[in-house]
């Protein structure tokens, strides 16, 4: 998942942008959060701004950003997604693919799935 840098956005814009980058529909995000699609729509349009803290925390986890990023309108830098250990995903892609910037999310997911397979196989 890639993020834009240096852009100040409202919580509504952040939710919509992060949802689209995660390739989720409003319905899918709503299901993950235990709310209806229309709730997500209202958040993204800015019609509802008093989003429960639990939903903010859940969205932050889904989108791999700190909750403060979602609620802070002054945040100008979007955190880069990381993997366990805090290593930026872009650094891992660079290491795995030799700096080829044409790496798709699908290619990266395949590598992750293969790594999980090898790890599970070696535990036997």
C-alpha atoms as a PDB file:
ATOM      1  CA  UNK A   1       0.000   0.000   0.000  1.00  0.00           C
ATOM      2  CA  UNK A   2       1.452   3.367  -0.938  1.00  0.00           C
ATOM      3  CA  UNK A   3       0.657   6.702   0.617  1.00  0.00           C
ATOM      4  CA  UNK A   4       0.970  10.284  -0.527  1.00  0.00           C
ATOM      5  CA  UNK A   5       3.397  12.483   1.411  1.00  0.00           C
ATOM      6  CA  UNK A   6       3.170  16.057   2.548  1.00  0.00           C
ATOM      7  CA  UNK A   7      -0.577  16.505   2.123  1.00  0.00           C
ATOM      8  CA  UNK A   8      -2.780  17.854   4.900  1.00  0.00           C
ATOM      9  CA  UNK A   9      -6.155  16.108   4.853  1.00  0.00           C
ATOM     10  CA  UNK A  10      -9.272  15.926   6.989  1.00  0.00           C
ATOM     11  CA  UNK A  11     -10.207  12.687   8.714  1.00  0.00           C
ATOM     12  CA  UNK A  12     -12.869  12.174   6.028  1.00  0.00           C
ATOM     13  CA  UNK A  13     -10.289  12.474   3.251  1.00  0.00           C
ATOM     14  CA  UNK A  14      -7.856  10.210   5.096  1.00  0.00           C
ATOM     15  CA  UNK A  15     -10.425   7.459   5.589  1.00  0.00           C
ATOM     16  CA  UNK A  16     -11.474   7.564   1.938  1.00  0.00           C
ATOM     17  CA  UNK A  17      -7.896   7.670   0.647  1.00  0.00           C
ATOM     18  CA  UNK A  18      -6.680   4.863   2.901  1.00  0.00           C
ATOM     19  CA  UNK A  19      -9.742   2.722   2.132  1.00  0.00           C
ATOM     20  CA  UNK A  20      -9.175   3.078  -1.607  1.00  0.00           C
ATOM     21  CA  UNK A  21      -5.459   2.360  -1.259  1.00  0.00           C
ATOM     22  CA  UNK A  22      -6.365  -0.796   0.672  1.00  0.00           C
ATOM     23  CA  UNK A  23      -8.676  -1.689  -2.247  1.00  0.00           C
ATOM     24  CA  UNK A  24     -11.676  -1.972   0.072  1.00  0.00           C
ATOM     25  CA  UNK A  25     -15.226  -0.955  -0.714  1.00  0.00           C
ATOM     26  CA  UNK A  26     -17.244   1.023   1.803  1.00  0.00           C
ATOM     27  CA  UNK A  27     -19.254  -2.140   2.424  1.00  0.00           C
ATOM     28  CA  UNK A  28     -16.116  -4.214   3.095  1.00  0.00           C
ATOM     29  CA  UNK A  29     -14.675  -1.628   5.465  1.00  0.00           C
ATOM     30  CA  UNK A  30     -18.032  -1.366   7.215  1.00  0.00           C
ATOM     31  CA  UNK A  31     -18.147  -5.141   7.679  1.00  0.00           C
ATOM     32  CA  UNK A  32     -14.631  -5.128   9.133  1.00  0.00           C
ATOM     33  CA  UNK A  33     -15.658  -2.397  11.578  1.00  0.00           C
ATOM     34  CA  UNK A  34     -19.106  -3.766  12.393  1.00  0.00           C
ATOM     35  CA  UNK A  35     -20.973  -0.797  10.900  1.00  0.00           C
ATOM     36  CA  UNK A  36     -23.210  -0.267   7.892  1.00  0.00           C
ATOM     37  CA  UNK A  37     -21.894   1.034   4.570  1.00  0.00           C
ATOM     38  CA  UNK A  38     -23.804   4.283   5.098  1.00  0.00           C
ATOM     39  CA  UNK A  39     -21.791   4.975   8.271  1.00  0.00           C
ATOM     40  CA  UNK A  40     -18.545   4.713   6.289  1.00  0.00           C
ATOM     41  CA  UNK A  41     -20.046   6.928   3.598  1.00  0.00           C
ATOM     42  CA  UNK A  42     -21.001   9.570   6.169  1.00  0.00           C
ATOM     43  CA  UNK A  43     -17.488   9.509   7.647  1.00  0.00           C
ATOM     44  CA  UNK A  44     -15.919   9.889   4.197  1.00  0.00           C
ATOM     45  CA  UNK A  45     -18.217  12.778   3.253  1.00  0.00           C
ATOM     46  CA  UNK A  46     -17.555  14.559   6.530  1.00  0.00           C
ATOM     47  CA  UNK A  47     -21.231  14.492   7.538  1.00  0.00           C
ATOM     48  CA  UNK A  48     -20.335  12.595  10.729  1.00  0.00           C
ATOM     49  CA  UNK A  49     -17.179  13.655  12.522  1.00  0.00           C
ATOM     50  CA  UNK A  50     -17.738  12.193  15.986  1.00  0.00           C
ATOM     51  CA  UNK A  51     -16.480   8.729  15.047  1.00  0.00           C
ATOM     52  CA  UNK A  52     -16.202   6.452  18.099  1.00  0.00           C
ATOM     53  CA  UNK A  53     -12.652   6.007  19.383  1.00  0.00           C
ATOM     54  CA  UNK A  54     -12.943   2.234  19.011  1.00  0.00           C
ATOM     55  CA  UNK A  55     -13.725   2.594  15.315  1.00  0.00           C
ATOM     56  CA  UNK A  56     -10.790   5.004  14.851  1.00  0.00           C
ATOM     57  CA  UNK A  57      -8.460   2.490  16.513  1.00  0.00           C
ATOM     58  CA  UNK A  58      -9.833  -0.367  14.401  1.00  0.00           C
ATOM     59  CA  UNK A  59      -9.421   1.631  11.179  1.00  0.00           C
ATOM     60  CA  UNK A  60      -5.881   2.561  12.170  1.00  0.00           C
ATOM     61  CA  UNK A  61      -5.060  -1.116  12.604  1.00  0.00           C
ATOM     62  CA  UNK A  62      -6.664  -2.040   9.270  1.00  0.00           C
ATOM     63  CA  UNK A  63      -4.777   0.729   7.453  1.00  0.00           C
ATOM     64  CA  UNK A  64      -1.514   0.231   9.391  1.00  0.00           C
ATOM     65  CA  UNK A  65      -1.337   3.836  10.586  1.00  0.00           C
ATOM     66  CA  UNK A  66      -1.329   5.261  14.114  1.00  0.00           C
ATOM     67  CA  UNK A  67      -4.761   6.421  15.365  1.00  0.00           C
ATOM     68  CA  UNK A  68      -3.297   9.903  15.795  1.00  0.00           C
ATOM     69  CA  UNK A  69      -2.739  10.089  12.039  1.00  0.00           C
ATOM     70  CA  UNK A  70      -6.462   9.707  11.407  1.00  0.00           C
ATOM     71  CA  UNK A  71      -7.626  12.290  13.948  1.00  0.00           C
ATOM     72  CA  UNK A  72      -4.884  14.902  13.570  1.00  0.00           C
ATOM     73  CA  UNK A  73      -5.784  17.359  10.792  1.00  0.00           C
ATOM     74  CA  UNK A  74      -2.344  18.930  11.047  1.00  0.00           C
ATOM     75  CA  UNK A  75      -0.491  15.751  10.096  1.00  0.00           C
ATOM     76  CA  UNK A  76       1.376  16.576   6.914  1.00  0.00           C
ATOM     77  CA  UNK A  77       3.285  13.325   6.516  1.00  0.00           C
ATOM     78  CA  UNK A  78       1.514  10.040   6.093  1.00  0.00           C
ATOM     79  CA  UNK A  79       3.345   7.235   7.878  1.00  0.00           C
ATOM     80  CA  UNK A  80       4.879   4.683   5.579  1.00  0.00           C
ATOM     81  CA  UNK A  81       3.556   1.137   6.038  1.00  0.00           C
ATOM     82  CA  UNK A  82       5.925  -1.163   7.869  1.00  0.00           C
ATOM     83  CA  UNK A  83       6.172  -4.839   8.630  1.00  0.00           C
ATOM     84  CA  UNK A  84       6.882  -6.446  11.958  1.00  0.00           C
ATOM     85  CA  UNK A  85      10.078  -4.936  13.301  1.00  0.00           C
ATOM     86  CA  UNK A  86       9.334  -1.502  11.855  1.00  0.00           C
ATOM     87  CA  UNK A  87      11.027  -2.026   8.489  1.00  0.00           C
ATOM     88  CA  UNK A  88       9.351   0.048   5.759  1.00  0.00           C
ATOM     89  CA  UNK A  89       7.593  -2.081   3.132  1.00  0.00           C
ATOM     90  CA  UNK A  90       9.284  -0.095   0.357  1.00  0.00           C
ATOM     91  CA  UNK A  91      12.700  -1.068   1.788  1.00  0.00           C
ATOM     92  CA  UNK A  92      11.714  -4.737   1.769  1.00  0.00           C
ATOM     93  CA  UNK A  93      10.497  -4.506  -1.824  1.00  0.00           C
ATOM     94  CA  UNK A  94      13.797  -2.853  -2.763  1.00  0.00           C
ATOM     95  CA  UNK A  95      15.794  -5.632  -1.079  1.00  0.00           C
ATOM     96  CA  UNK A  96      13.708  -8.451  -2.558  1.00  0.00           C
ATOM     97  CA  UNK A  97      13.454  -7.147  -6.089  1.00  0.00           C
ATOM     98  CA  UNK A  98      16.783  -5.399  -6.518  1.00  0.00           C
ATOM     99  CA  UNK A  99      15.432  -1.885  -6.621  1.00  0.00           C
ATOM    100  CA  UNK A 100      12.916  -2.537  -9.388  1.00  0.00           C
ATOM    101  CA  UNK A 101      10.239   0.069  -8.742  1.00  0.00           C
ATOM    102  CA  UNK A 102       7.768  -1.740 -11.004  1.00  0.00           C
ATOM    103  CA  UNK A 103       6.803  -4.058  -8.162  1.00  0.00           C
ATOM    104  CA  UNK A 104       3.047  -4.437  -7.828  1.00  0.00           C
ATOM    105  CA  UNK A 105       1.224  -5.084  -4.568  1.00  0.00           C
ATOM    106  CA  UNK A 106       0.189  -8.442  -6.023  1.00  0.00           C
ATOM    107  CA  UNK A 107       3.830  -9.458  -6.607  1.00  0.00           C
ATOM    108  CA  UNK A 108       4.723  -8.448  -3.057  1.00  0.00           C
ATOM    109  CA  UNK A 109       1.749 -10.420  -1.671  1.00  0.00           C
ATOM    110  CA  UNK A 110       2.902 -13.524  -3.579  1.00  0.00           C
ATOM    111  CA  UNK A 111       6.345 -13.258  -1.992  1.00  0.00           C
ATOM    112  CA  UNK A 112       4.764 -12.872   1.456  1.00  0.00           C
ATOM    113  CA  UNK A 113       2.571 -15.932   0.867  1.00  0.00           C
ATOM    114  CA  UNK A 114       5.559 -17.967  -0.269  1.00  0.00           C
ATOM    115  CA  UNK A 115       7.537 -16.896   2.805  1.00  0.00           C
ATOM    116  CA  UNK A 116       4.625 -17.949   5.056  1.00  0.00           C
ATOM    117  CA  UNK A 117       4.479 -21.301   3.253  1.00  0.00           C
ATOM    118  CA  UNK A 118       8.218 -21.922   3.756  1.00  0.00           C
ATOM    119  CA  UNK A 119       7.995 -20.882   7.401  1.00  0.00           C
ATOM    120  CA  UNK A 120       5.054 -23.241   8.022  1.00  0.00           C
ATOM    121  CA  UNK A 121       6.784 -26.086   6.170  1.00  0.00           C
ATOM    122  CA  UNK A 122       9.923 -25.717   8.276  1.00  0.00           C
ATOM    123  CA  UNK A 123       7.922 -25.908  11.528  1.00  0.00           C
ATOM    124  CA  UNK A 124       6.881 -29.498  10.734  1.00  0.00           C
END
